[in-house]
Amino acid sequence: MAAGAPCGYFHEMLLHLRIYGRVQGVGFRHYLTRAARQLGLYGWVRNRSDGSVEAVACGSEEAVQQLLAWSQRGPSAAFVERVESQPWEGETPKADFVQRSTI
């Protein structure tokens, strides 16, 4: 992906993830953010008040699939019960991969 190019500019994938299990208080958002940045993805991640983690990732299909596979494992302190993924219909991430506030 070209630096500064909005998601959708190239042949990219835009995916919404919800991760359930022991995924809060274990560094999940930090490690997901680091992995996404290493893969060159745009998007965001946040905790949800129901105990899940939510993320949106945009980038090459290969990179998004790698992040999806990583989210099914998580960091060593996490226990991932399940990951739900679907195409994202909301606002398209414009740049970087950031942590958002809990909702």
Foldseek 3Di string as FASTA:
>chain_A
DDAQAFFPPDPKAKKKKKWDFQQPPPCQQVVLQVLLVVLVWFWEKEAEPVNIIIIITMDHPVSVVVSVVQSCPTDPVTDTPDMDMDGDPDDTGRHGYYYDYYD
